[in-house]
Amino acid sequence: PNWTATAEMMKEIGADGVNGDTMDGIPKAFSDAALK
C-alpha cells in the first residue's frame, strides 16, 4: 500500500514529512503506518 511504502521510504532516507499531491486530506492510514 502507498501508506506503507511511503512510511518506509521516508524512514529510510530520514525525511520528516509528506505532501499529499492533489489531495484534500491525507488518509489516516499514512499516519498510522508511520507511527507503526
All heavy atoms as atom14 arrays in JSON, in Angstrom:
{
  "sequence": "PNWTATAEMMKEIGADGVNGDTMDGIPKAFSDAALK",
  "atom14_mask": [
    [1, 1, 1, 1, 1, 1, 1, 0, 0, 0, 0, 0, 0, 0],
    [1, 1, 1, 1, 1, 1, 1, 1, 0, 0, 0, 0, 0, 0],
    [1, 1, 1, 1, 1, 1, 1, 1, 1, 1, 1, 1, 1, 1],
    [1, 1, 1, 1, 1, 1, 1, 0, 0, 0, 0, 0, 0, 0],
    [1, 1, 1, 1, 1, 0, 0, 0, 0, 0, 0, 0, 0, 0],
    [1, 1, 1, 1, 1, 1, 1, 0, 0, 0, 0, 0, 0, 0],
    [1, 1, 1, 1, 1, 0, 0, 0, 0, 0, 0, 0, 0, 0],
    [1, 1, 1, 1, 1, 1, 1, 1, 1, 0, 0, 0, 0, 0],
    [1, 1, 1, 1, 1, 1, 1, 1, 0, 0, 0, 0, 0, 0],
    [1, 1, 1, 1, 1, 1, 1, 1, 0, 0, 0, 0, 0, 0],
    [1, 1, 1, 1, 1, 1, 1, 1, 1, 0, 0, 0, 0, 0],
    [1, 1, 1, 1, 1, 1, 1, 1, 1, 0, 0, 0, 0, 0],
    [1, 1, 1, 1, 1, 1, 1, 1, 0, 0, 0, 0, 0, 0],
    [1, 1, 1, 1, 0, 0, 0, 0, 0, 0, 0, 0, 0, 0],
    [1, 1, 1, 1, 1, 0, 0, 0, 0, 0, 0, 0, 0, 0],
    [1, 1, 1, 1, 1, 1, 1, 1, 0, 0, 0, 0, 0, 0],
    [1, 1, 1, 1, 0, 0, 0, 0, 0, 0, 0, 0, 0, 0],
    [1, 1, 1, 1, 1, 1, 1, 0, 0, 0, 0, 0, 0, 0],
    [1, 1, 1, 1, 1, 1, 1, 1, 0, 0, 0, 0, 0, 0],
    [1, 1, 1, 1, 0, 0, 0, 0, 0, 0, 0, 0, 0, 0],
    [1, 1, 1, 1, 1, 1, 1, 1, 0, 0, 0, 0, 0, 0],
    [1, 1, 1, 1, 1, 1, 1, 0, 0, 0, 0, 0, 0, 0],
    [1, 1, 1, 1, 1, 1, 1, 1, 0, 0, 0, 0, 0, 0],
    [1, 1, 1, 1, 1, 1, 1, 1, 0, 0, 0, 0, 0, 0],
    [1, 1, 1, 1, 0, 0, 0, 0, 0, 0, 0, 0, 0, 0],
    [1, 1, 1, 1, 1, 1, 1, 1, 0, 0, 0, 0, 0, 0],
    [1, 1, 1, 1, 1, 1, 1, 0, 0, 0, 0, 0, 0, 0],
    [1, 1, 1, 1, 1, 1, 1, 1, 1, 0, 0, 0, 0, 0],
    [1, 1, 1, 1, 1, 0, 0, 0, 0, 0, 0, 0, 0, 0],
    [1, 1, 1, 1, 1, 1, 1, 1, 1, 1, 1, 0, 0, 0],
    [1, 1, 1, 1, 1, 1, 0, 0, 0, 0, 0, 0, 0, 0],
    [1, 1, 1, 1, 1, 1, 1, 1, 0, 0, 0, 0, 0, 0],
    [1, 1, 1, 1, 1, 0, 0, 0, 0, 0, 0, 0, 0, 0],
    [1, 1, 1, 1, 1, 0, 0, 0, 0, 0, 0, 0, 0, 0],
    [1, 1, 1, 1, 1, 1, 1, 1, 0, 0, 0, 0, 0, 0],
    [1, 1, 1, 1, 1, 1, 1, 1, 1, 0, 0, 0, 0, 0]
  ],
  "atom14_positions": [
    [[0.82, -1.21, 0.0], [0.0, 0.0, 0.0], [0.85, 1.26, 0.0], [1.97, 1.28, 0.53], [-0.8, -0.13, 1.3], [-0.78, -1.58, 1.64], [0.53, -2.1, 1.15], [0.0, 0.0, 0.0], [0.0, 0.0, 0.0], [0.0, 0.0, 0.0], [0.0, 0.0, 0.0], [0.0, 0.0, 0.0], [0.0, 0.0, 0.0], [0.0, 0.0, 0.0]],
    [[0.3, 2.32, -0.57], [1.01, 3.61, -0.61], [1.48, 4.03, 0.77], [2.6, 4.53, 0.93], [0.1, 4.7, -1.18], [0.21, 4.84, -2.68], [-0.75, 5.21, -3.32], [1.37, 4.6, -3.25], [0.0, 0.0, 0.0], [0.0, 0.0, 0.0], [0.0, 0.0, 0.0], [0.0, 0.0, 0.0], [0.0, 0.0, 0.0], [0.0, 0.0, 0.0]],
    [[0.61, 3.89, 1.77], [0.97, 4.39, 3.09], [2.15, 3.62, 3.67], [3.03, 4.21, 4.29], [-0.24, 4.36, 4.02], [-1.07, 3.1, 3.95], [-0.88, 1.94, 4.63], [-2.23, 2.9, 3.13], [-1.84, 1.02, 4.31], [-2.69, 1.58, 3.39], [-2.93, 3.7, 2.23], [-3.82, 1.05, 2.76], [-4.05, 3.18, 1.61], [-4.48, 1.88, 1.87]],
    [[2.18, 2.32, 3.42], [3.31, 1.52, 3.92], [4.59, 1.87, 3.18], [5.64, 2.09, 3.78], [3.01, 0.02, 3.77], [1.82, -0.3, 4.5], [4.16, -0.82, 4.29], [0.0, 0.0, 0.0], [0.0, 0.0, 0.0], [0.0, 0.0, 0.0], [0.0, 0.0, 0.0], [0.0, 0.0, 0.0], [0.0, 0.0, 0.0], [0.0, 0.0, 0.0]],
    [[4.51, 1.91, 1.84], [5.69, 2.22, 1.04], [6.21, 3.62, 1.36], [7.44, 3.83, 1.45], [5.34, 2.12, -0.44], [0.0, 0.0, 0.0], [0.0, 0.0, 0.0], [0.0, 0.0, 0.0], [0.0, 0.0, 0.0], [0.0, 0.0, 0.0], [0.0, 0.0, 0.0], [0.0, 0.0, 0.0], [0.0, 0.0, 0.0], [0.0, 0.0, 0.0]],
    [[5.31, 4.56, 1.56], [5.72, 5.93, 1.86], [6.4, 6.02, 3.21], [7.47, 6.62, 3.34], [4.5, 6.87, 1.81], [3.95, 6.85, 0.49], [4.89, 8.29, 2.17], [0.0, 0.0, 0.0], [0.0, 0.0, 0.0], [0.0, 0.0, 0.0], [0.0, 0.0, 0.0], [0.0, 0.0, 0.0], [0.0, 0.0, 0.0], [0.0, 0.0, 0.0]],
    [[5.78, 5.45, 4.22], [6.38, 5.5, 5.56], [7.75, 4.84, 5.56], [8.71, 5.37, 6.16], [5.45, 4.81, 6.56], [0.0, 0.0, 0.0], [0.0, 0.0, 0.0], [0.0, 0.0, 0.0], [0.0, 0.0, 0.0], [0.0, 0.0, 0.0], [0.0, 0.0, 0.0], [0.0, 0.0, 0.0], [0.0, 0.0, 0.0], [0.0, 0.0, 0.0]],
    [[7.88, 3.71, 4.91], [9.16, 3.0, 4.9], [10.23, 3.8, 4.16], [11.38, 3.88, 4.6], [8.99, 1.63, 4.27], [8.17, 0.67, 5.14], [7.92, -0.67, 4.46], [8.25, -0.82, 3.27], [7.37, -1.57, 5.14], [0.0, 0.0, 0.0], [0.0, 0.0, 0.0], [0.0, 0.0, 0.0], [0.0, 0.0, 0.0], [0.0, 0.0, 0.0]],
    [[9.86, 4.4, 3.02], [10.83, 5.18, 2.27], [11.26, 6.42, 3.05], [12.45, 6.76, 3.11], [10.24, 5.58, 0.92], [11.15, 6.48, 0.07], [12.73, 5.71, -0.37], [12.17, 4.59, -1.67], [0.0, 0.0, 0.0], [0.0, 0.0, 0.0], [0.0, 0.0, 0.0], [0.0, 0.0, 0.0], [0.0, 0.0, 0.0], [0.0, 0.0, 0.0]],
    [[10.31, 7.11, 3.67], [10.66, 8.32, 4.42], [11.55, 7.98, 5.61], [12.48, 8.72, 5.95], [9.39, 9.04, 4.89], [8.52, 9.6, 3.77], [9.35, 10.74, 2.64], [9.69, 9.67, 1.22], [0.0, 0.0, 0.0], [0.0, 0.0, 0.0], [0.0, 0.0, 0.0], [0.0, 0.0, 0.0], [0.0, 0.0, 0.0], [0.0, 0.0, 0.0]],
    [[11.31, 6.85, 6.26], [12.18, 6.45, 7.37], [13.57, 6.1, 6.86], [14.58, 6.46, 7.47], [11.58, 5.26, 8.11], [12.44, 4.82, 9.31], [11.77, 3.73, 10.13], [12.64, 3.39, 11.35], [11.99, 2.37, 12.22], [0.0, 0.0, 0.0], [0.0, 0.0, 0.0], [0.0, 0.0, 0.0], [0.0, 0.0, 0.0], [0.0, 0.0, 0.0]],
    [[13.63, 5.42, 5.72], [14.93, 5.0, 5.18], [15.82, 6.2, 4.86], [17.03, 6.17, 5.1], [14.73, 4.16, 3.93], [16.02, 3.57, 3.37], [15.79, 2.63, 2.21], [14.65, 2.54, 1.71], [16.76, 1.97, 1.79], [0.0, 0.0, 0.0], [0.0, 0.0, 0.0], [0.0, 0.0, 0.0], [0.0, 0.0, 0.0], [0.0, 0.0, 0.0]],
    [[15.23, 7.27, 4.34], [16.04, 8.42, 3.97], [16.06, 9.51, 5.05], [16.77, 10.5, 4.91], [15.56, 9.03, 2.64], [14.14, 9.56, 2.75], [15.68, 8.0, 1.51], [13.63, 10.23, 1.48], [0.0, 0.0, 0.0], [0.0, 0.0, 0.0], [0.0, 0.0, 0.0], [0.0, 0.0, 0.0], [0.0, 0.0, 0.0], [0.0, 0.0, 0.0]],
    [[15.26, 9.32, 6.11], [15.27, 10.26, 7.22], [14.42, 11.49, 7.0], [14.6, 12.5, 7.7], [0.0, 0.0, 0.0], [0.0, 0.0, 0.0], [0.0, 0.0, 0.0], [0.0, 0.0, 0.0], [0.0, 0.0, 0.0], [0.0, 0.0, 0.0], [0.0, 0.0, 0.0], [0.0, 0.0, 0.0], [0.0, 0.0, 0.0], [0.0, 0.0, 0.0]],
    [[13.47, 11.46, 6.06], [12.62, 12.62, 5.79], [11.6, 12.81, 6.9], [11.28, 11.88, 7.66], [11.92, 12.47, 4.45], [0.0, 0.0, 0.0], [0.0, 0.0, 0.0], [0.0, 0.0, 0.0], [0.0, 0.0, 0.0], [0.0, 0.0, 0.0], [0.0, 0.0, 0.0], [0.0, 0.0, 0.0], [0.0, 0.0, 0.0], [0.0, 0.0, 0.0]],
    [[11.08, 14.03, 7.0], [10.25, 14.43, 8.14], [8.76, 14.51, 7.84], [7.95, 14.51, 8.76], [10.7, 15.8, 8.64], [12.2, 15.85, 8.9], [12.63, 15.32, 9.93], [12.93, 16.4, 8.05], [0.0, 0.0, 0.0], [0.0, 0.0, 0.0], [0.0, 0.0, 0.0], [0.0, 0.0, 0.0], [0.0, 0.0, 0.0], [0.0, 0.0, 0.0]],
    [[8.41, 14.64, 6.56], [7.0, 14.83, 6.25], [6.67, 14.44, 4.83], [7.55, 14.17, 4.01], [0.0, 0.0, 0.0], [0.0, 0.0, 0.0], [0.0, 0.0, 0.0], [0.0, 0.0, 0.0], [0.0, 0.0, 0.0], [0.0, 0.0, 0.0], [0.0, 0.0, 0.0], [0.0, 0.0, 0.0], [0.0, 0.0, 0.0], [0.0, 0.0, 0.0]],
    [[5.36, 14.43, 4.56], [4.84, 14.03, 3.26], [3.81, 15.05, 2.81], [2.91, 15.41, 3.58], [4.19, 12.63, 3.34], [3.51, 12.28, 2.02], [5.23, 11.57, 3.67], [0.0, 0.0, 0.0], [0.0, 0.0, 0.0], [0.0, 0.0, 0.0], [0.0, 0.0, 0.0], [0.0, 0.0, 0.0], [0.0, 0.0, 0.0], [0.0, 0.0, 0.0]],
    [[3.95, 15.48, 1.56], [2.94, 16.34, 0.95], [2.03, 15.47, 0.1], [2.5, 14.68, -0.73], [3.62, 17.41, 0.08], [2.62, 18.24, -0.69], [2.21, 17.87, -1.79], [2.23, 19.37, -0.13], [0.0, 0.0, 0.0], [0.0, 0.0, 0.0], [0.0, 0.0, 0.0], [0.0, 0.0, 0.0], [0.0, 0.0, 0.0], [0.0, 0.0, 0.0]],
    [[0.72, 15.6, 0.27], [-0.23, 14.81, -0.48], [-0.65, 15.52, -1.74], [-1.54, 16.38, -1.72], [0.0, 0.0, 0.0], [0.0, 0.0, 0.0], [0.0, 0.0, 0.0], [0.0, 0.0, 0.0], [0.0, 0.0, 0.0], [0.0, 0.0, 0.0], [0.0, 0.0, 0.0], [0.0, 0.0, 0.0], [0.0, 0.0, 0.0], [0.0, 0.0, 0.0]],
    [[-0.02, 15.17, -2.87], [-0.31, 15.86, -4.13], [-1.76, 15.63, -4.55], [-2.24, 14.49, -4.56], [0.64, 15.36, -5.21], [0.46, 16.1, -6.51], [0.4, 17.33, -6.48], [0.37, 15.44, -7.56], [0.0, 0.0, 0.0], [0.0, 0.0, 0.0], [0.0, 0.0, 0.0], [0.0, 0.0, 0.0], [0.0, 0.0, 0.0], [0.0, 0.0, 0.0]],
    [[-2.44, 16.69, -4.92], [-3.84, 16.74, -5.37], [-4.82, 16.33, -4.27], [-6.02, 16.2, -4.56], [-4.09, 15.85, -6.61], [-4.06, 14.47, -6.25], [-3.07, 16.12, -7.71], [0.0, 0.0, 0.0], [0.0, 0.0, 0.0], [0.0, 0.0, 0.0], [0.0, 0.0, 0.0], [0.0, 0.0, 0.0], [0.0, 0.0, 0.0], [0.0, 0.0, 0.0]],
    [[-4.37, 16.14, -3.06], [-5.23, 15.57, -2.01], [-5.8, 16.66, -1.11], [-5.09, 17.57, -0.68], [-4.43, 14.56, -1.18], [-3.87, 13.4, -1.98], [-2.76, 12.34, -1.02], [-3.93, 11.55, 0.07], [0.0, 0.0, 0.0], [0.0, 0.0, 0.0], [0.0, 0.0, 0.0], [0.0, 0.0, 0.0], [0.0, 0.0, 0.0], [0.0, 0.0, 0.0]],
    [[-7.08, 16.53, -0.78], [-7.69, 17.42, 0.2], [-7.79, 16.69, 1.54], [-8.85, 16.59, 2.15], [-9.06, 17.92, -0.27], [-10.05, 16.79, -0.5], [-9.64, 15.62, -0.47], [-11.25, 17.09, -0.69], [0.0, 0.0, 0.0], [0.0, 0.0, 0.0], [0.0, 0.0, 0.0], [0.0, 0.0, 0.0], [0.0, 0.0, 0.0], [0.0, 0.0, 0.0]],
    [[-6.66, 16.21, 1.98], [-6.58, 15.44, 3.21], [-5.89, 14.11, 2.96], [-6.3, 13.36, 2.07], [0.0, 0.0, 0.0], [0.0, 0.0, 0.0], [0.0, 0.0, 0.0], [0.0, 0.0, 0.0], [0.0, 0.0, 0.0], [0.0, 0.0, 0.0], [0.0, 0.0, 0.0], [0.0, 0.0, 0.0], [0.0, 0.0, 0.0], [0.0, 0.0, 0.0]],
    [[-4.85, 13.83, 3.72], [-4.14, 12.56, 3.6], [-4.78, 11.56, 4.55], [-4.95, 11.85, 5.74], [-2.64, 12.73, 3.92], [-2.01, 13.75, 2.96], [-1.91, 11.4, 3.82], [-0.54, 14.03, 3.21], [0.0, 0.0, 0.0], [0.0, 0.0, 0.0], [0.0, 0.0, 0.0], [0.0, 0.0, 0.0], [0.0, 0.0, 0.0], [0.0, 0.0, 0.0]],
    [[-5.15, 10.38, 4.06], [-5.83, 9.4, 4.92], [-5.02, 9.04, 6.17], [-3.78, 9.05, 6.16], [-5.99, 8.19, 4.0], [-6.0, 8.76, 2.63], [-5.04, 9.92, 2.66], [0.0, 0.0, 0.0], [0.0, 0.0, 0.0], [0.0, 0.0, 0.0], [0.0, 0.0, 0.0], [0.0, 0.0, 0.0], [0.0, 0.0, 0.0], [0.0, 0.0, 0.0]],
    [[-5.72, 8.68, 7.22], [-5.09, 8.34, 8.49], [-4.15, 7.14, 8.37], [-3.22, 6.98, 9.17], [-6.16, 8.08, 9.55], [-5.62, 7.97, 10.97], [-6.77, 7.93, 11.96], [-6.26, 7.91, 13.4], [-5.55, 6.66, 13.72], [0.0, 0.0, 0.0], [0.0, 0.0, 0.0], [0.0, 0.0, 0.0], [0.0, 0.0, 0.0], [0.0, 0.0, 0.0]],
    [[-4.37, 6.31, 7.35], [-3.51, 5.14, 7.17], [-2.05, 5.55, 7.03], [-1.15, 4.81, 7.45], [-3.96, 4.34, 5.95], [0.0, 0.0, 0.0], [0.0, 0.0, 0.0], [0.0, 0.0, 0.0], [0.0, 0.0, 0.0], [0.0, 0.0, 0.0], [0.0, 0.0, 0.0], [0.0, 0.0, 0.0], [0.0, 0.0, 0.0], [0.0, 0.0, 0.0]],
    [[-1.78, 6.71, 6.45], [-0.4, 7.18, 6.3], [0.21, 7.5, 7.66], [1.37, 7.18, 7.93], [-0.34, 8.4, 5.39], [-0.49, 8.08, 3.93], [-1.75, 7.94, 3.35], [0.63, 7.91, 3.13], [-1.89, 7.64, 2.01], [0.5, 7.61, 1.78], [-0.76, 7.46, 1.22], [0.0, 0.0, 0.0], [0.0, 0.0, 0.0], [0.0, 0.0, 0.0]],
    [[-0.58, 8.16, 8.5], [-0.09, 8.47, 9.85], [0.12, 7.19, 10.66], [1.15, 7.02, 11.34], [-1.09, 9.38, 10.56], [-0.69, 9.65, 11.89], [0.0, 0.0, 0.0], [0.0, 0.0, 0.0], [0.0, 0.0, 0.0], [0.0, 0.0, 0.0], [0.0, 0.0, 0.0], [0.0, 0.0, 0.0], [0.0, 0.0, 0.0], [0.0, 0.0, 0.0]],
    [[-0.84, 6.28, 10.57], [-0.73, 5.03, 11.33], [0.47, 4.21, 10.88], [1.19, 3.63, 11.72], [-2.0, 4.2, 11.15], [-3.21, 4.83, 11.82], [-3.02, 5.72, 12.67], [-4.35, 4.44, 11.47], [0.0, 0.0, 0.0], [0.0, 0.0, 0.0], [0.0, 0.0, 0.0], [0.0, 0.0, 0.0], [0.0, 0.0, 0.0], [0.0, 0.0, 0.0]],
    [[0.73, 4.17, 9.56], [1.87, 3.4, 9.06], [3.18, 3.98, 9.55], [4.13, 3.24, 9.87], [1.84, 3.36, 7.53], [0.0, 0.0, 0.0], [0.0, 0.0, 0.0], [0.0, 0.0, 0.0], [0.0, 0.0, 0.0], [0.0, 0.0, 0.0], [0.0, 0.0, 0.0], [0.0, 0.0, 0.0], [0.0, 0.0, 0.0], [0.0, 0.0, 0.0]],
    [[3.27, 5.31, 9.61], [4.49, 5.95, 10.09], [4.7, 5.72, 11.58], [5.81, 5.44, 12.04], [4.44, 7.44, 9.78], [0.0, 0.0, 0.0], [0.0, 0.0, 0.0], [0.0, 0.0, 0.0], [0.0, 0.0, 0.0], [0.0, 0.0, 0.0], [0.0, 0.0, 0.0], [0.0, 0.0, 0.0], [0.0, 0.0, 0.0], [0.0, 0.0, 0.0]],
    [[3.62, 5.82, 12.35], [3.73, 5.58, 13.79], [4.09, 4.13, 14.08], [4.84, 3.84, 15.03], [2.42, 5.95, 14.49], [2.06, 7.44, 14.5], [0.65, 7.65, 15.06], [3.08, 8.23, 15.33], [0.0, 0.0, 0.0], [0.0, 0.0, 0.0], [0.0, 0.0, 0.0], [0.0, 0.0, 0.0], [0.0, 0.0, 0.0], [0.0, 0.0, 0.0]],
    [[3.58, 3.23, 13.26], [3.84, 1.8, 13.46], [5.32, 1.47, 13.38], [5.81, 0.58, 14.1], [3.05, 0.99, 12.43], [3.17, -0.52, 12.6], [2.31, -1.25, 11.58], [2.42, -2.77, 11.75], [1.56, -3.48, 10.75], [0.0, 0.0, 0.0], [0.0, 0.0, 0.0], [0.0, 0.0, 0.0], [0.0, 0.0, 0.0], [0.0, 0.0, 0.0]]
  ]
}
